[in-house]
Protein backbone atom coordinates (compact mmCIF):
# COMPACT_ATOMS: atom_id res chain seq x y z
CA MET A 1 -31.93 57.42 -1.58
CA PRO A 2 -29.99 54.80 0.41
CA ASP A 3 -26.39 55.56 1.37
CA GLU A 4 -25.08 52.75 -0.88
CA VAL A 5 -25.15 55.21 -3.79
CA LEU A 6 -24.44 58.91 -3.35
CA ILE A 7 -26.01 61.36 -5.78
CA GLU A 8 -24.60 64.77 -6.69
CA ARG A 9 -25.60 67.21 -9.41
CA ARG A 10 -22.86 69.03 -11.26
CA GLY A 11 -24.62 71.23 -13.76
CA ALA A 12 -26.32 68.97 -16.27
CA VAL A 13 -24.39 65.92 -15.07
CA ALA A 14 -25.61 63.47 -12.41
CA LEU A 15 -22.63 62.08 -10.47
CA LEU A 16 -23.42 58.71 -8.89
CA THR A 17 -20.94 57.18 -6.44
CA LEU A 18 -20.93 53.55 -5.31
CA ASN A 19 -20.51 54.12 -1.58
CA ARG A 20 -19.24 50.95 0.08
CA PRO A 21 -15.53 51.72 0.35
CA GLU A 22 -15.15 49.41 3.35
CA ALA A 23 -16.11 46.54 1.02
CA ARG A 24 -14.19 47.87 -2.01
CA ASN A 25 -17.55 49.01 -3.38
CA ALA A 26 -18.66 45.41 -3.83
CA ILE A 27 -22.31 45.05 -4.80
CA ASN A 28 -24.84 43.62 -2.38
CA ARG A 29 -28.61 43.60 -2.84
CA ALA A 30 -29.06 47.05 -1.30
CA ALA A 31 -26.39 48.57 -3.53
CA ALA A 32 -27.94 46.99 -6.63
CA LEU A 33 -31.36 48.39 -5.79
CA ALA A 34 -29.92 51.81 -4.96
CA LEU A 35 -27.97 52.01 -8.22
CA GLU A 36 -30.99 50.89 -10.24
CA GLU A 37 -33.10 53.60 -8.61
CA ALA A 38 -30.47 56.31 -9.04
CA LEU A 39 -29.94 55.50 -12.72
CA ALA A 40 -33.68 55.50 -13.44
CA ALA A 41 -34.16 58.82 -11.66
CA ALA A 42 -31.29 60.48 -13.54
CA ASP A 43 -32.49 59.11 -16.87
CA ALA A 44 -35.99 60.50 -16.23
CA ASP A 45 -34.76 63.95 -15.14
CA ASP A 46 -34.99 66.44 -18.02
CA GLU A 47 -32.30 68.59 -16.39
CA VAL A 48 -29.77 65.75 -16.51
CA ARG A 49 -27.98 65.28 -19.83
CA ALA A 50 -25.29 62.76 -18.83
CA ILE A 51 -24.52 60.40 -15.95
CA VAL A 52 -21.13 59.72 -14.37
CA LEU A 53 -20.66 56.59 -12.25
CA THR A 54 -17.66 56.21 -9.94
CA GLY A 55 -16.62 54.47 -6.73
CA ALA A 56 -15.96 55.89 -3.28
CA GLY A 57 -12.40 55.96 -1.96
CA ASP A 58 -9.25 54.96 -3.80
CA LYS A 59 -9.13 51.20 -3.19
CA ALA A 60 -11.49 50.08 -5.97
CA PHE A 61 -14.10 51.18 -8.47
CA SER A 62 -15.91 47.97 -7.57
CA ALA A 63 -14.78 44.49 -6.60
CA GLY A 64 -17.94 43.08 -8.15
CA MET A 65 -20.30 40.83 -6.23
CA ASP A 66 -20.17 41.04 -2.45
CA LEU A 67 -19.15 37.45 -1.75
CA LYS A 68 -19.95 37.68 1.96
CA ALA A 69 -23.50 38.76 1.16
CA PHE A 70 -23.73 36.08 -1.52
CA ALA A 71 -22.59 33.40 0.94
CA ALA A 72 -25.41 34.53 3.23
CA GLY A 73 -27.92 33.96 0.42
CA GLU A 74 -28.18 37.53 -0.83
CA LEU A 75 -28.23 38.07 -4.61
CA PRO A 76 -27.15 41.48 -5.97
CA PHE A 77 -29.55 41.39 -8.92
CA THR A 78 -32.61 43.41 -9.85
CA ASP A 79 -34.97 43.36 -12.81
CA HIS A 80 -32.10 45.10 -14.64
CA GLY A 81 -29.56 42.39 -13.91
CA PHE A 82 -26.42 42.48 -11.81
CA ALA A 83 -25.98 45.73 -9.85
CA GLY A 84 -29.18 47.12 -11.38
CA ILE A 85 -27.23 48.24 -14.45
CA VAL A 86 -26.01 45.46 -16.73
CA THR A 87 -29.30 45.14 -18.65
CA HIS A 88 -30.64 48.60 -17.79
CA VAL A 89 -31.42 50.38 -21.06
CA LEU A 90 -30.83 54.09 -20.48
CA ALA A 91 -31.41 56.88 -22.98
CA LYS A 92 -28.72 59.14 -21.59
CA PRO A 93 -24.97 58.57 -21.88
CA VAL A 94 -23.36 56.88 -18.88
CA ILE A 95 -19.68 57.55 -18.23
CA ALA A 96 -17.70 55.26 -15.93
CA ALA A 97 -15.08 57.13 -13.89
CA VAL A 98 -12.90 54.22 -12.83
CA ASN A 99 -10.99 55.24 -9.71
CA GLY A 100 -9.31 51.91 -8.98
CA PRO A 101 -9.50 48.20 -9.75
CA ALA A 102 -12.59 47.20 -11.71
CA LEU A 103 -12.57 43.42 -11.51
CA ALA A 104 -15.12 40.67 -12.14
CA GLY A 105 -18.57 42.20 -11.73
CA GLY A 106 -16.93 45.60 -11.27
CA PHE A 107 -15.53 45.34 -14.79
CA GLU A 108 -18.92 44.22 -16.05
CA ILE A 109 -20.43 47.38 -14.58
CA VAL A 110 -17.86 49.36 -16.57
CA LEU A 111 -18.78 47.45 -19.73
CA SER A 112 -22.41 48.48 -19.15
CA CYS A 113 -21.41 52.14 -19.49
CA ASP A 114 -21.07 54.04 -22.76
CA LEU A 115 -17.79 55.86 -22.15
CA VAL A 116 -14.92 55.18 -19.75
CA VAL A 117 -12.50 57.56 -18.05
CA ALA A 118 -9.87 55.75 -16.00
CA ALA A 119 -7.40 56.80 -13.35
CA ASP A 120 -3.86 55.83 -14.32
CA THR A 121 -3.89 53.50 -11.30
CA ALA A 122 -6.97 51.56 -12.45
CA ILE A 123 -6.86 47.94 -13.57
CA PHE A 124 -9.47 45.88 -15.38
CA GLY A 125 -10.15 42.17 -15.56
CA ILE A 126 -12.44 39.19 -15.37
CA PRO A 127 -10.55 36.77 -13.08
CA GLU A 128 -13.44 34.35 -12.66
CA ALA A 129 -11.71 31.43 -14.43
CA GLN A 130 -9.03 31.51 -11.71
CA ARG A 131 -11.81 30.75 -9.21
CA GLY A 132 -13.61 28.09 -11.23
CA LEU A 133 -16.29 30.52 -12.42
CA VAL A 134 -17.18 32.47 -15.54
CA ALA A 135 -18.02 36.14 -15.97
CA GLY A 136 -21.80 35.90 -16.05
CA ALA A 137 -22.87 39.55 -15.98
CA GLY A 138 -21.95 40.49 -19.52
CA GLY A 139 -18.17 40.24 -19.63
CA LEU A 140 -18.07 37.30 -22.03
CA VAL A 141 -20.75 38.86 -24.23
CA ARG A 142 -19.60 42.47 -24.28
CA LEU A 143 -15.81 42.20 -24.34
CA PRO A 144 -15.60 40.78 -27.89
CA ARG A 145 -17.89 43.60 -29.02
CA ARG A 146 -15.53 46.21 -27.56
CA ILE A 147 -12.07 44.81 -28.32
CA PRO A 148 -10.49 42.33 -30.78
CA LEU A 149 -11.55 38.72 -30.26
CA ALA A 150 -8.05 37.47 -29.45
CA GLN A 151 -7.68 40.06 -26.69
CA ALA A 152 -11.13 39.30 -25.26
CA LEU A 153 -10.23 35.61 -25.18
CA GLU A 154 -6.97 36.34 -23.40
CA LEU A 155 -8.72 38.41 -20.73
CA ALA A 156 -11.25 35.61 -20.15
CA LEU A 157 -8.93 32.60 -20.38
CA VAL A 158 -5.69 33.84 -18.83
CA ALA A 159 -7.84 35.88 -16.44
CA ASP A 160 -5.08 38.32 -15.47
CA PRO A 161 -5.93 42.02 -15.16
CA ILE A 162 -4.70 44.71 -17.51
CA SER A 163 -3.59 48.26 -16.76
CA ALA A 164 -5.49 51.41 -17.65
CA ALA A 165 -2.87 52.15 -20.30
CA ARG A 166 -3.40 48.76 -21.92
CA ALA A 167 -7.19 49.18 -21.72
CA TYR A 168 -6.77 52.48 -23.56
CA GLU A 169 -4.65 50.81 -26.24
CA LEU A 170 -7.39 48.23 -26.76
CA GLY A 171 -10.11 50.86 -27.05
CA LEU A 172 -11.86 49.94 -23.80
CA VAL A 173 -11.11 53.33 -22.27
CA ASN A 174 -11.65 56.83 -23.69
CA ARG A 175 -9.33 58.76 -21.37
CA VAL A 176 -6.59 57.90 -18.87
CA VAL A 177 -5.83 60.66 -16.37
CA PRO A 178 -4.09 61.11 -13.00
CA ALA A 179 -6.30 59.85 -10.18
CA GLY A 180 -6.77 63.34 -8.76
CA GLU A 181 -8.26 64.56 -12.04
CA LEU A 182 -10.56 61.60 -12.64
CA VAL A 183 -13.99 62.80 -11.56
CA ASP A 184 -13.52 66.33 -12.91
CA THR A 185 -12.44 64.91 -16.28
CA ALA A 186 -15.43 62.56 -16.44
CA VAL A 187 -17.84 65.35 -15.44
CA ALA A 188 -16.27 67.68 -18.04
CA LEU A 189 -16.85 65.00 -20.67
CA GLY A 190 -20.47 64.78 -19.56
CA GLU A 191 -20.80 68.57 -19.69
CA ARG A 192 -19.40 68.58 -23.21
CA ILE A 193 -22.07 66.04 -24.22
CA ALA A 194 -24.68 68.18 -22.45
CA ARG A 195 -24.02 71.08 -24.82
CA ASN A 196 -25.39 69.00 -27.68
CA ALA A 197 -29.05 68.45 -28.53
CA PRO A 198 -30.40 65.88 -26.03
CA LEU A 199 -32.72 64.19 -28.51
CA ALA A 200 -29.90 63.83 -31.02
CA VAL A 201 -27.56 62.44 -28.34
CA ALA A 202 -30.13 59.90 -27.14
CA THR A 203 -30.97 58.85 -30.69
CA SER A 204 -27.31 58.51 -31.68
CA LYS A 205 -26.68 56.29 -28.66
CA ARG A 206 -29.74 54.17 -29.40
CA VAL A 207 -28.92 53.65 -33.08
CA ILE A 208 -25.31 52.68 -32.34
CA ARG A 209 -26.39 50.25 -29.62
CA GLU A 210 -29.15 48.70 -31.73
CA THR A 211 -27.13 48.28 -34.91
CA VAL A 212 -23.62 47.42 -33.69
CA ASP A 213 -24.13 43.69 -34.20
CA LEU A 214 -26.44 43.83 -37.22
CA PRO A 215 -25.48 43.32 -40.85
CA GLU A 216 -25.28 46.70 -42.55
CA ALA A 217 -28.35 46.00 -44.67
CA ASP A 218 -30.40 45.44 -41.51
CA ALA A 219 -28.98 48.51 -39.83
CA TRP A 220 -29.96 50.99 -42.53
CA PRO A 221 -33.73 50.95 -41.85
CA ILE A 222 -33.09 51.76 -38.18
CA ASN A 223 -30.68 54.51 -39.16
CA ASP A 224 -33.02 55.99 -41.76
CA ALA A 225 -36.02 56.01 -39.41
CA ALA A 226 -33.97 57.77 -36.74
CA PHE A 227 -32.65 60.31 -39.25
CA ALA A 228 -36.15 61.12 -40.46
CA ALA A 229 -37.48 61.54 -36.93
CA ILE A 230 -34.63 63.81 -35.88
CA GLY A 231 -34.90 65.83 -39.09
CA ALA A 232 -38.50 66.65 -38.21
CA SER A 233 -37.68 67.68 -34.64
CA ALA A 234 -37.82 71.18 -33.21
CA ASP A 235 -34.21 70.86 -32.11
CA ALA A 236 -33.04 70.21 -35.68
CA LEU A 237 -34.68 73.46 -36.78
CA GLU A 238 -33.28 75.27 -33.75
CA GLY A 239 -29.77 74.05 -34.57
CA ALA A 240 -29.97 75.46 -38.08
CA VAL A 241 -31.50 78.78 -36.95
CA ALA A 242 -28.94 79.20 -34.16
CA PHE A 243 -26.11 78.54 -36.61
CA ALA A 244 -27.49 81.15 -39.03
CA GLU A 245 -27.97 83.66 -36.22
CA LYS A 246 -24.50 82.94 -34.79
CA ARG A 247 -25.79 82.18 -31.28
CA PRO A 248 -25.79 79.14 -28.97
CA PRO A 249 -28.77 76.87 -29.62
CA ARG A 250 -31.57 76.62 -27.08
CA TRP A 251 -32.45 72.94 -27.01
CA THR A 252 -35.84 71.70 -25.88
CA GLY A 253 -35.38 67.96 -26.41
CA ARG A 254 -38.25 67.91 -28.89
C-alpha cells in the first residue's frame, strides 16, 4: 500500500491514516487511489468490523484538494469520486476521527463517513464561496441531510468554519474529545460496533442510507425486506440462543 495512507489493525477495527502531513493531508491523485484501495480492502476483510479514518499530525484532518497538484493538471478523483471515498458505497461503518481542521474537500470526506469523533481543536467548513467556487464533492448535497437547512445554508453561503463544539450541537459530530484521546475514542467506538452482529450492522447501515430521503411509504418495503432477511439469518438464531444461554454470541456474519 502506498505511503499516502497508513493502515493499522486494532482488533476488529481498521485504522486508516491520511499520511501527507507536510501538505496538511491534502488529497492528490496518489492519495485518492491509496484511500480507495485501503477502504475496499478493509470492507472486504471479514476480520474487520469497522473502519476509522484520521489524518497524520496535528495540523489538519485534511485541507481537501491538493491545489498545487491540481494546478499541475492532477485530479484527485477515482471511480469513487473525490479522494476515492465520496461515492464509495461501503458495507461497514466508517468513523471519521477528525484531528484538526476539516475544510473544503476535507469536510466532504468527513461527510462521507457514518460517524464522526472530533478533537476539541477541530473545525469544519466549506469555504469555497470565499474563493469563487462551490463545494462540489458532496458538501452541498449532504449537509442539508445532516443538519437543519438554515444551518447548511449558512455554512455554504457565509462560508466561515465552525468549531467542533458547534458541529456537535448541530448533530454533525457524535463525540468531541481532547485531541490526545481522539484516535483511542474512535477505535473504542468501532470496537463497540464490532461486538454486534456484522450482518445486522451492515443491513442497518444500508437501510438507513437507502431510506433517509424516501417518503415513509416507499421506505417500508426496503425495511421489511431487510427485516425478513435478517430474521432468517444464522446470526439472528445465534443471538437468541446466546441470550437464553447467558453467554456472548458467536457471530458468523451469515
